[in-house]
Protein backbone atom coordinates (compact mmCIF):
# COMPACT_ATOMS: atom_id res chain seq x y z
CA MET A 1 83.59 34.56 -16.72
CA ALA A 2 80.06 35.27 -15.57
CA SER A 3 78.45 38.56 -16.39
CA SER A 4 77.52 41.10 -13.72
CA THR A 5 73.98 39.71 -13.77
CA GLY A 6 75.23 36.23 -12.93
CA ARG A 7 74.49 34.95 -16.44
CA ARG A 8 76.89 33.62 -19.02
CA THR A 9 77.29 34.70 -22.62
CA VAL A 10 76.09 32.26 -25.31
CA ALA A 11 77.82 28.90 -24.78
CA SER A 12 78.34 27.86 -28.41
CA ASP A 13 80.39 24.81 -27.34
CA LEU A 14 77.49 23.23 -25.43
CA MET A 15 74.13 21.68 -26.11
CA GLY A 16 71.45 20.62 -23.66
CA ILE A 17 69.34 17.47 -23.64
CA VAL A 18 66.40 17.32 -21.22
CA LEU A 19 65.08 13.81 -20.54
CA CYS A 20 61.28 13.89 -20.22
CA GLY A 21 60.51 10.38 -19.01
CA PRO A 22 57.07 8.82 -18.51
CA GLY A 23 57.02 9.33 -14.72
CA ASN A 24 56.16 5.77 -13.78
CA ASN A 25 56.83 6.50 -10.08
CA LEU A 26 54.31 9.35 -10.01
CA GLY A 27 51.18 7.21 -10.32
CA PRO A 28 48.01 9.06 -11.41
CA LEU A 29 49.88 12.37 -11.59
CA ALA A 30 51.57 11.39 -14.88
CA ARG A 31 48.72 9.46 -16.50
CA GLN A 32 47.20 10.57 -19.80
CA GLU A 33 44.06 11.80 -18.01
CA ASN A 34 46.25 14.41 -16.33
CA MET A 35 49.50 15.50 -18.04
CA PRO A 36 53.09 14.34 -18.75
CA LYS A 37 55.59 14.41 -15.90
CA ALA A 38 57.48 17.29 -17.51
CA LEU A 39 54.40 19.54 -17.28
CA LEU A 40 53.34 18.73 -13.72
CA PRO A 41 52.88 22.03 -11.86
CA ILE A 42 55.21 23.03 -9.04
CA GLY A 43 53.94 26.29 -7.62
CA ASN A 44 51.66 26.49 -10.68
CA ARG A 45 54.63 26.42 -13.09
CA PRO A 46 55.57 23.32 -15.13
CA LEU A 47 58.30 21.08 -13.73
CA ILE A 48 60.41 21.39 -16.88
CA GLU A 49 60.81 25.16 -16.49
CA ALA A 50 63.52 24.69 -13.84
CA PRO A 51 66.04 22.74 -16.00
CA LEU A 52 65.27 24.93 -19.03
CA GLN A 53 65.94 28.07 -16.99
CA MET A 54 69.17 26.50 -15.72
CA LEU A 55 70.35 25.88 -19.30
CA GLU A 56 69.30 29.35 -20.46
CA ASP A 57 71.12 31.06 -17.59
CA ALA A 58 74.28 29.18 -18.61
CA GLY A 59 73.96 30.53 -22.17
CA ILE A 60 73.02 27.18 -23.78
CA THR A 61 70.77 27.83 -26.79
CA THR A 62 70.75 24.40 -28.49
CA VAL A 63 68.29 22.34 -26.44
CA PHE A 64 66.46 19.07 -27.19
CA LEU A 65 63.54 17.66 -25.19
CA LEU A 66 63.51 13.85 -25.38
CA CYS A 67 60.12 12.27 -24.67
CA LEU A 68 57.86 9.37 -25.60
CA GLY A 69 55.66 9.67 -28.66
CA GLY A 70 51.87 10.03 -28.76
CA TRP A 71 50.19 12.19 -26.14
CA HIS A 72 53.49 13.06 -24.40
CA GLU A 73 54.85 14.58 -27.61
CA SER A 74 51.58 16.38 -28.39
CA ALA A 75 51.32 17.95 -24.93
CA LEU A 76 54.98 19.09 -24.90
CA ASN A 77 54.75 20.56 -28.41
CA THR A 78 51.62 22.47 -27.40
CA TRP A 79 53.39 23.85 -24.34
CA VAL A 80 56.55 24.83 -26.25
CA LYS A 81 54.52 26.67 -28.91
CA SER A 82 52.08 28.45 -26.60
CA SER A 83 53.58 28.81 -23.13
CA CYS A 84 57.34 28.13 -23.08
CA LYS A 85 59.18 31.21 -21.80
CA SER A 86 62.68 29.98 -22.65
CA SER A 87 64.46 32.05 -25.30
CA SER A 88 66.12 28.90 -26.71
CA ARG A 89 62.83 27.45 -28.03
CA PRO A 90 63.74 23.80 -27.37
CA LEU A 91 63.10 21.14 -30.01
CA VAL A 92 60.83 18.25 -28.98
CA VAL A 93 62.17 14.86 -30.13
CA ALA A 94 59.92 11.85 -29.55
CA THR A 95 60.79 8.17 -29.66
CA SER A 96 58.14 5.72 -30.87
CA GLU A 97 55.18 5.05 -28.61
CA GLU A 98 56.34 1.44 -28.15
CA ASP A 99 59.45 2.58 -26.28
CA ASP A 100 57.71 2.79 -22.89
CA LEU A 101 60.36 0.60 -21.27
CA ALA A 102 63.36 2.15 -23.06
CA GLY A 103 66.03 3.69 -20.89
CA SER A 104 67.55 7.17 -21.04
CA ALA A 105 70.57 5.95 -23.06
CA ASP A 106 68.20 4.35 -25.59
CA ALA A 107 66.45 7.72 -26.00
CA LEU A 108 69.80 9.49 -26.46
CA ARG A 109 70.79 6.90 -29.08
CA PHE A 110 67.52 7.51 -30.92
CA LEU A 111 68.37 11.21 -31.15
CA LEU A 112 72.00 10.66 -32.17
CA ARG A 113 71.09 8.19 -34.92
CA HIS A 114 68.02 9.94 -36.31
CA ASP A 115 68.52 11.17 -39.88
CA LYS A 116 66.52 14.33 -39.16
CA TYR A 117 68.98 15.49 -36.48
CA ARG A 118 72.23 13.79 -37.57
CA ALA A 119 73.39 16.66 -39.80
CA ARG A 120 72.79 19.22 -37.05
CA LEU A 121 74.62 17.11 -34.47
CA ASN A 122 77.54 16.34 -36.80
CA ALA A 123 77.96 20.06 -37.49
CA GLN A 124 78.48 20.41 -33.73
CA SER A 125 80.76 17.41 -33.44
CA THR A 126 83.05 19.06 -30.88
CA MET A 127 80.21 20.07 -28.59
CA SER A 128 80.07 18.94 -25.00
CA CYS A 129 76.62 18.10 -23.69
CA VAL A 130 74.57 18.78 -20.59
CA ILE A 131 72.15 15.92 -19.94
CA VAL A 132 69.52 16.64 -17.31
CA SER A 133 66.28 15.04 -16.18
CA CYS A 134 63.17 17.22 -16.36
CA ASP A 135 62.57 16.48 -12.66
CA ALA A 136 65.95 17.86 -11.48
CA ARG A 137 65.89 21.06 -9.43
CA CYS A 138 69.11 22.77 -8.36
CA ASP A 139 69.81 26.39 -7.45
CA VAL A 140 73.59 26.12 -7.94
CA PRO A 141 74.28 28.13 -11.14
CA LEU A 142 75.07 25.73 -13.95
CA TYR A 143 78.02 27.80 -15.15
CA LYS A 144 79.84 27.00 -11.88
CA ILE A 145 79.42 23.28 -12.54
CA LEU A 146 80.54 23.77 -16.16
CA ASP A 147 83.63 25.67 -15.02
CA SER A 148 84.53 22.79 -12.70
CA HIS A 149 84.06 20.29 -15.53
CA ARG A 150 86.23 22.25 -17.96
CA GLU A 151 89.01 23.04 -15.51
CA SER A 152 89.31 19.46 -14.24
CA GLY A 153 89.52 18.08 -17.79
CA THR A 154 87.16 15.16 -17.07
CA HIS A 155 85.08 13.35 -19.68
CA LEU A 156 82.03 12.97 -17.42
CA THR A 157 80.83 14.99 -14.42
CA SER A 158 77.92 13.79 -12.30
CA VAL A 159 76.22 16.26 -9.95
CA CYS A 160 75.47 14.69 -6.57
CA TYR A 161 73.75 15.97 -3.46
CA ASP A 162 72.83 15.07 0.08
CA PRO A 163 69.03 14.72 0.28
CA ARG A 164 67.07 16.76 2.80
CA ASN A 165 65.63 13.69 4.50
CA GLY A 166 67.24 10.42 5.58
CA PRO A 167 64.75 7.63 4.81
CA ASP A 168 65.47 4.07 5.83
CA PRO A 169 67.54 1.86 3.47
CA SER A 170 64.48 0.17 1.95
CA ALA A 171 63.03 3.58 1.06
CA LYS A 172 66.34 4.52 -0.58
CA LYS A 173 66.11 1.48 -2.82
CA ARG A 174 62.58 2.34 -3.90
CA ASP A 175 63.47 5.99 -4.43
CA GLY A 176 66.55 5.31 -6.55
CA GLY A 177 69.32 5.58 -3.96
CA SER A 178 72.93 4.96 -4.98
CA LEU A 179 76.15 3.66 -3.52
CA LEU A 180 78.95 6.02 -4.53
CA ALA A 181 82.69 5.58 -4.07
CA TYR A 182 85.01 8.48 -4.72
CA ALA A 183 88.51 9.76 -4.07
CA LYS A 184 88.30 13.12 -2.36
CA ASP A 185 90.96 15.75 -3.10
CA VAL A 186 89.31 18.58 -1.15
CA ASP A 187 87.31 18.51 2.05
CA VAL A 188 83.87 18.86 0.47
CA SER A 189 82.20 18.32 3.85
CA ASP A 190 83.64 21.69 4.89
CA ALA A 191 80.97 24.37 4.44
CA LYS A 192 83.74 26.75 3.36
CA ALA A 193 84.83 24.54 0.44
CA VAL A 194 84.39 26.35 -2.86
CA PRO A 195 81.92 24.66 -5.25
CA GLY A 196 83.41 24.31 -8.70
CA HIS A 197 87.00 23.73 -7.50
CA PRO A 198 88.87 21.83 -10.27
CA ARG A 199 89.92 19.18 -7.76
CA HIS A 200 86.45 17.96 -6.90
CA PRO A 201 86.19 14.23 -6.08
CA ARG A 202 87.00 11.56 -8.66
CA LEU A 203 83.93 9.33 -9.04
CA LEU A 204 85.07 5.70 -9.05
CA LEU A 205 81.93 3.68 -8.40
CA ALA A 206 78.23 4.41 -8.90
CA GLU A 207 75.82 1.55 -8.27
CA ALA A 208 72.07 1.51 -7.64
CA LEU A 209 71.38 0.24 -4.11
CA ALA A 210 68.68 -2.03 -5.50
CA ASP A 211 71.35 -3.86 -7.56
CA ILE A 212 73.69 -4.52 -4.61
CA ASP A 213 73.58 -7.49 -2.26
CA ASP A 214 72.82 -6.17 1.24
CA ASP A 215 75.71 -8.15 2.75
CA GLN A 216 78.45 -7.60 0.15
CA LEU A 217 80.34 -4.72 -1.41
CA GLN A 218 83.07 -5.65 -3.87
CA LEU A 219 85.92 -3.22 -4.63
CA ARG A 220 88.83 -3.99 -6.92
CA THR A 221 92.26 -4.10 -5.28
CA SER A 222 93.70 -2.04 -8.17
CA MET A 223 91.30 0.80 -7.26
CA LEU A 224 92.35 0.74 -3.63
CA TRP A 225 96.07 0.73 -4.42
CA GLN A 226 95.75 3.47 -7.03
CA TYR A 227 93.78 5.91 -4.88
CA GLY A 228 94.85 4.86 -1.40
CA LYS A 229 91.76 6.13 0.38
CA LEU A 230 88.16 6.01 -0.82
CA GLU A 231 84.98 7.54 0.53
CA VAL A 232 81.94 5.25 0.24
CA SER A 233 78.46 6.66 0.80
CA THR A 234 74.87 5.51 0.56
CA THR A 235 73.62 8.94 1.62
CA LEU A 236 74.58 10.94 -1.46
CA ARG A 237 72.45 10.74 -4.56
CA GLN A 238 72.95 11.55 -8.21
CA LEU A 239 70.82 14.47 -9.37
CA HIS A 240 70.68 13.11 -12.95
CA LEU A 241 72.52 16.19 -14.16
CA TYR A 242 75.58 15.23 -16.19
CA ILE A 243 78.14 17.12 -18.26
CA CYS A 244 79.90 14.91 -20.79
CA SER A 245 82.25 15.25 -23.75
CA ARG A 246 81.26 14.37 -27.30
CA THR A 247 83.40 11.22 -26.92
CA ILE A 248 80.88 9.97 -24.35
CA LEU A 249 77.98 10.55 -26.75
CA ASP A 250 79.81 8.61 -29.45
CA VAL A 251 80.02 5.59 -27.13
CA ILE A 252 76.30 5.84 -26.34
CA GLU A 253 75.49 6.01 -30.06
CA ARG A 254 77.66 2.99 -30.85
CA GLU A 255 76.77 0.58 -28.02
CA ASP A 256 73.24 -0.84 -28.18
CA ALA A 257 73.76 -2.81 -24.95
CA ILE A 258 73.82 0.42 -22.91
CA SER A 259 70.17 1.11 -22.06
CA ARG A 260 70.19 3.46 -19.06
CA PHE A 261 72.58 6.38 -18.82
CA ASP A 262 72.78 6.45 -15.02
CA ALA A 263 72.68 2.76 -14.12
CA ASP A 264 74.52 1.37 -17.16
CA PHE A 265 76.84 3.97 -18.67
CA VAL A 266 77.90 5.94 -15.58
CA THR A 267 78.65 2.67 -13.81
CA LEU A 268 80.65 1.48 -16.84
CA ALA A 269 82.61 4.73 -17.20
CA CYS A 270 83.54 4.74 -13.51
CA LYS A 271 84.84 1.17 -13.64
CA ALA A 272 86.73 1.79 -16.89
CA GLN A 273 89.00 4.29 -15.14
CA THR A 274 90.83 1.41 -13.43
CA GLN A 275 90.05 -1.46 -15.85
CA PRO A 276 91.94 -1.36 -19.18
CA ALA A 277 89.92 -4.31 -20.52
CA LEU A 278 86.69 -2.31 -20.27
CA ARG A 279 88.27 0.68 -22.00
CA LYS A 280 89.37 -1.55 -24.87
CA ARG A 281 86.05 -3.39 -25.15
CA TYR A 282 83.95 -0.20 -25.39
CA SER A 283 86.59 1.94 -27.17
CA LEU A 284 86.71 4.40 -24.29
CA PRO A 285 89.56 6.92 -24.00
CA GLU A 286 92.63 5.55 -22.25
CA ASP A 287 92.69 8.63 -20.03
CA ILE A 288 88.95 8.60 -19.22
CA LEU A 289 88.13 10.54 -16.07
CA CYS A 290 84.84 10.79 -14.17
CA SER A 291 84.29 13.42 -11.51
CA MET A 292 81.60 14.19 -8.98
CA TYR A 293 80.37 17.74 -8.39
CA LEU A 294 79.11 17.61 -4.82
CA VAL A 295 76.59 20.35 -4.12
CA ASN A 296 77.68 22.17 -1.00
CA THR A 297 74.99 22.19 1.69
CA THR A 298 75.69 25.37 3.64
CA GLY A 299 75.69 24.77 7.38
CA ALA A 300 74.60 21.15 7.06
CA ARG A 301 76.46 17.91 7.71
CA LEU A 302 77.02 16.05 4.46
CA LEU A 303 78.16 12.82 6.01
CA SER A 304 78.45 11.31 9.46
CA LYS A 305 81.76 10.64 11.20
CA PRO A 306 83.63 8.01 9.14
CA ALA A 307 84.31 4.50 10.35
CA ALA A 308 87.69 3.25 9.13
CA HIS A 309 88.00 -0.23 7.60
CA GLY A 310 91.58 -0.71 6.38
CA ARG A 311 92.16 1.52 3.35
CA VAL A 312 88.45 2.28 2.89
CA VAL A 313 86.47 4.88 4.82
CA VAL A 314 82.78 3.91 4.97
CA GLN A 315 80.38 6.80 5.45
CA ARG A 316 77.22 5.76 7.26
CA ASP A 317 73.82 7.19 6.40
CA THR A 318 72.71 10.15 8.50
CA GLN A 319 69.73 12.42 8.66
CA SER A 320 70.62 16.01 7.83
CA GLN A 321 68.66 19.20 7.33
CA PHE A 322 69.20 20.10 3.68
CA GLN A 323 70.08 23.79 3.27
CA HIS A 324 70.65 24.01 -0.48
CA GLY A 325 67.93 23.92 -3.15
CA CYS A 326 68.66 20.58 -4.83
CA MET A 327 66.32 17.61 -5.30
CA ARG A 328 64.62 15.31 -7.78
CA VAL A 329 60.85 15.39 -8.18
CA ASN A 330 60.51 11.79 -9.33
CA THR A 331 58.18 10.33 -6.70
CA ILE A 332 54.85 11.34 -5.22
CA ARG A 333 56.55 12.06 -1.90
CA ALA A 334 59.15 14.28 -3.60
CA TYR A 335 56.39 16.09 -5.51
CA ALA A 336 54.56 16.89 -2.27
CA GLU A 337 57.82 18.12 -0.67
CA ALA A 338 58.57 20.35 -3.67
CA GLN A 339 55.13 21.95 -3.39
CA LYS A 340 55.71 22.66 0.30
CA ASP A 341 59.02 24.34 -0.50
CA VAL A 342 57.41 26.58 -3.10
CA LEU A 343 54.63 27.54 -0.71
CA LYS A 344 57.25 28.62 1.85
CA HIS A 345 59.55 30.53 -0.48
CA SER A 346 57.50 31.75 -3.46
CA SER A 347 58.11 35.38 -4.42
CA GLN A 348 54.74 35.71 -6.19
CA ASP A 349 53.07 38.95 -5.10
CA PRO A 350 50.23 38.86 -4.33
CA ARG A 351 50.20 35.17 -3.53
CA VAL A 352 46.44 35.12 -4.13
CA PRO A 353 45.68 37.49 -7.06
CA ILE A 354 42.67 39.79 -6.99
CA THR A 355 41.23 37.85 -9.95
CA PHE A 356 40.81 34.85 -7.64
CA ILE A 357 37.44 35.62 -6.05
CA VAL A 358 37.03 34.77 -2.37
CA ALA A 359 33.58 35.12 -0.82
CA GLU A 360 33.17 37.59 2.04
CA ARG A 361 32.85 34.97 4.76
CA SER A 362 35.59 32.67 3.41
CA THR A 363 39.33 32.65 4.05
CA VAL A 364 42.26 31.81 1.79
CA GLY A 365 45.42 32.10 3.88
CA GLN A 366 48.57 33.97 2.86
CA ASP A 367 50.34 30.61 3.14
CA CYS A 368 48.47 29.61 -0.04
CA LEU A 369 49.43 30.19 -3.67
CA ALA A 370 46.91 30.70 -6.49
CA ALA A 371 47.66 30.66 -10.21
CA VAL A 372 47.47 33.84 -12.27
CA GLU A 373 47.55 32.02 -15.62
CA THR A 374 47.32 28.56 -17.14
CA PHE A 375 49.91 26.81 -19.27
CA GLY A 376 49.88 24.16 -21.98
CA GLU A 377 47.11 21.68 -22.66
CA THR A 378 45.41 20.47 -19.51
CA ASN A 379 42.59 18.31 -20.95
CA ILE A 380 40.01 20.51 -19.17
CA GLN A 381 36.93 21.73 -21.01
CA GLU A 382 37.08 25.16 -19.38
CA VAL A 383 40.67 25.79 -20.59
CA LEU A 384 40.81 25.62 -24.37
CA ALA A 385 43.78 24.60 -26.52
CA ASP A 386 44.50 28.20 -27.49
CA GLY A 387 44.73 29.24 -23.84
CA SER A 388 41.34 31.00 -23.76
CA VAL A 389 38.98 30.27 -20.87
CA VAL A 390 35.29 29.48 -20.91
CA THR A 391 34.12 30.93 -17.60
CA PRO A 392 30.98 29.44 -16.01
CA ALA A 393 28.39 31.98 -14.92
CA GLY A 394 29.29 33.61 -11.61
CA ALA A 395 32.85 32.23 -11.51
CA ALA A 396 36.02 34.29 -11.65
CA PRO A 397 38.45 33.94 -14.57
CA THR A 398 41.23 32.53 -12.37
CA GLY A 399 39.26 30.72 -9.65
CA SER A 400 36.81 31.15 -6.80
CA VAL A 401 35.98 30.15 -3.23
CA ASP A 402 32.34 30.21 -2.14
CA GLU A 403 30.87 31.15 1.26
CA LYS A 404 32.08 29.81 4.63
CA SER A 405 35.09 27.91 3.26
CA THR A 406 38.68 27.93 4.55
CA VAL A 407 41.83 27.16 2.57
CA LYS A 408 45.22 26.80 4.28
CA ARG A 409 48.75 25.88 3.07
CA SER A 410 47.48 24.90 -0.38
CA CYS A 411 48.50 25.45 -4.00
CA LEU A 412 45.55 26.32 -6.25
CA GLY A 413 45.76 25.95 -10.03
CA PHE A 414 44.02 28.01 -12.69
CA GLY A 415 40.23 27.77 -12.79
CA VAL A 416 39.86 26.06 -9.39
CA ARG A 417 36.35 26.34 -7.94
CA ILE A 418 35.68 25.57 -4.28
CA GLY A 419 32.10 25.39 -3.05
CA LYS A 420 30.39 26.40 0.19
CA GLY A 421 31.47 25.17 3.61
CA CYS A 422 34.66 23.42 2.43
CA LYS A 423 37.82 22.89 4.50
CA ILE A 424 41.06 22.56 2.53
CA THR A 425 44.42 22.07 4.29
CA GLY A 426 47.84 21.28 2.79
CA CYS A 427 46.51 20.34 -0.66
CA THR A 428 47.55 20.75 -4.29
CA PHE A 429 44.78 21.46 -6.79
CA MET A 430 45.80 21.45 -10.44
CA ASP A 431 44.02 23.44 -13.17
CA GLY A 432 40.24 23.18 -13.44
CA VAL A 433 39.57 21.29 -10.18
CA THR A 434 36.05 21.60 -8.75
CA VAL A 435 35.31 20.93 -5.07
CA LEU A 436 31.61 20.77 -4.27
CA ASP A 437 29.87 22.01 -1.11
CA GLY A 438 30.86 20.67 2.29
CA ALA A 439 33.93 18.72 1.13
CA LYS A 440 36.93 18.30 3.44
CA LEU A 441 40.42 17.62 2.05
CA GLU A 442 43.71 17.32 3.92
CA ASN A 443 47.22 16.70 2.50
CA SER A 444 45.80 15.52 -0.82
CA ILE A 445 46.69 16.07 -4.49
CA VAL A 446 43.84 16.59 -6.95
CA CYS A 447 44.78 16.38 -10.63
CA ALA A 448 43.54 18.51 -13.53
CA GLY A 449 39.80 18.61 -14.22
CA ALA A 450 38.82 16.36 -11.29
CA VAL A 451 35.59 16.90 -9.33
CA VAL A 452 35.30 16.18 -5.60
CA GLY A 453 31.72 15.41 -4.58
CA GLU A 454 29.62 17.06 -1.89
CA ARG A 455 30.65 16.33 1.71
CA ALA A 456 33.44 14.03 0.53
CA SER A 457 36.29 13.58 3.02
CA LEU A 458 39.80 12.85 1.70
CA LYS A 459 43.02 12.64 3.70
CA ASP A 460 46.44 11.83 2.21
CA CYS A 461 44.80 10.91 -1.09
CA ILE A 462 45.56 11.42 -4.78
CA VAL A 463 42.71 12.05 -7.22
CA GLY A 464 43.51 11.37 -10.86
CA GLY A 465 42.83 13.72 -13.75
CA ARG A 466 39.14 14.20 -14.69
CA HIS A 467 38.07 11.71 -12.02
CA ARG A 468 34.73 12.22 -10.24
CA VAL A 469 34.92 11.52 -6.50
CA PRO A 470 31.45 10.40 -5.27
CA ASP A 471 29.47 12.45 -2.77
CA ARG A 472 29.91 11.70 0.97
CA ILE A 473 32.81 9.31 0.40
CA ASP A 474 35.41 8.95 3.18
CA LYS A 475 38.90 7.90 2.07
CA LYS A 476 42.36 7.94 3.62
CA GLY A 477 45.69 7.19 1.93
CA GLU A 478 44.29 6.07 -1.42
CA GLU A 479 44.77 6.80 -5.14
CA LEU A 480 41.48 7.46 -6.89
CA PHE A 481 41.50 7.54 -10.69
CA GLU A 482 39.52 6.46 -13.73
CA GLY A 483 39.41 2.65 -13.88
CA GLY A 484 41.07 1.98 -10.54
CA GLU A 485 41.57 2.60 -6.85
CA ILE A 486 44.84 1.87 -5.03
CA SER A 487 45.64 2.08 -1.36
CA LEU A 488 48.79 4.08 -0.46
CA GLN A 489 49.02 2.57 3.00
C-alpha cells in the first residue's frame, strides 16, 4: 500500500537501472563541448532527476546509472558526488569508451557480467528490475505501475503512451515510433479506466516502424486464433520504462545476440508468448507473459474509431491533445517541447530570483524561468568544479540583463549574461551563456558557455557548447558548433 504521502516504503525486492545513452539524436546538445544527455537541463534541472525521483518515490534504493566511459562517466560522477539530491546515491557504471554503438541490452549485459558488481547482483538474485531511460518523463506514480505488474503476474511490463502530437508517418520513423499489437481486456480508451488494473492489455507485438515494410504487416495465425481480437496501433509509443523479472535479466546476460532491449528483446519476448520454438531456443519460461501499461490520458482520445479487418482491429493514427505528463526527451524537438511545458507549469517562486539582476529599463517576463543554482560540471570557466563561481566585475552571481533588453518565454541557466539592447524570445540558455549587445534570438537553444556576438540574429538555431557566434551574423534554422555548421531546414 502507498503511504499517506503517496510514497512507498523501501522496496527491497526491486532495483533500478537508468540507461544514460549518448544522445545521438540531440546533435550539439549532447556533444562533449556541452554535457551528456543525462545532464541536459529541463527547467534548469538535469534530465536524469525525473527518473531518479520516480525510483525514489517508489522506495527503490538500489540504483545503477549505465553510461559510456570517458567524459560521460566523469561528468555523471561529478554530478552524483556534488549535486545529486536522490537519497539512493546511485552507482555510476561505465562501459568502455569504444562501445559508442552498443545497444541498451549490451550495456545491461556489461553490468550483469562485471566481476565488480556480480556478487552484489547475485545476492539479490530474486530481485525484479525497473529499467528506464534517462530521457523518460512520466507523472504516473511508479508504484501504481509496479502494483499492476505484480498483480498481473507478468514477466515483462512495458509502459506505453499516446504522444501529445501526431506527426506524419515519416516523422514517427525518425523519432522512434512503434507498431504495437495487443489484446485488450479492459477498455483503456475509457477515461474512467483505472490505471494499474491487473488486466491491462497483453502486449503481443512490438516492432519499430522503421523496420516494417510500408505495405505489409505479418501476423501469425496462431496469435489471431488464441486471442480472437487484437488492437494494432502506430500511434502509441513505448516510454522505455520496463519492469521485468530476474528471469528476463538472466536471458539478457546469457544471449550475446540481443543488442537492444527495446527493439531486440521486447520484440523477442512478445513473439515467444505464442511461439514455443522461440521459448525453447532462448530458454524463456514456458508461461512467459508480456503486458502493456497504457498511461491513461484524462479527457483525451487515445485512438481513433477502429476500422475492422476480419479478426483484427486496426487503429489509425490520430492527432490528440495529450493531457497526462508523459514523454521522451530524446530529440531536439522533444527537448524544446519539454522546456515549454516547464515554463508553463513550473512551481518555482519567484520564477526570476532577486539574485538575477535586471537593469532598470529592461524586462524579463514572468513567463521566463531563471536558475537559482548550478549543477554538475558544465565546462564553463566561470563555474568551477567545486560549484563555486568566479563572478566578473559588475555581474550578478546568478545572472544579469543589461539596459534596454527584453526577455520573453525563455529559460535562463546559471551565470547567463545578456547585454544591452537585446531581444530574446522563446529561447533556452544553458549555464554560462553570454549574449553581447544588440543581439536578437528567437526560438533558439544556446548551450553551456557559448557566446553570441554583437547584433547577431538567430532564429530556430542551436548553438553548441563554448561556441563563439560571430558579430552581425544572420542565421535561421541552423546548428552552429565548434568544427561544423549544419542546416536544420
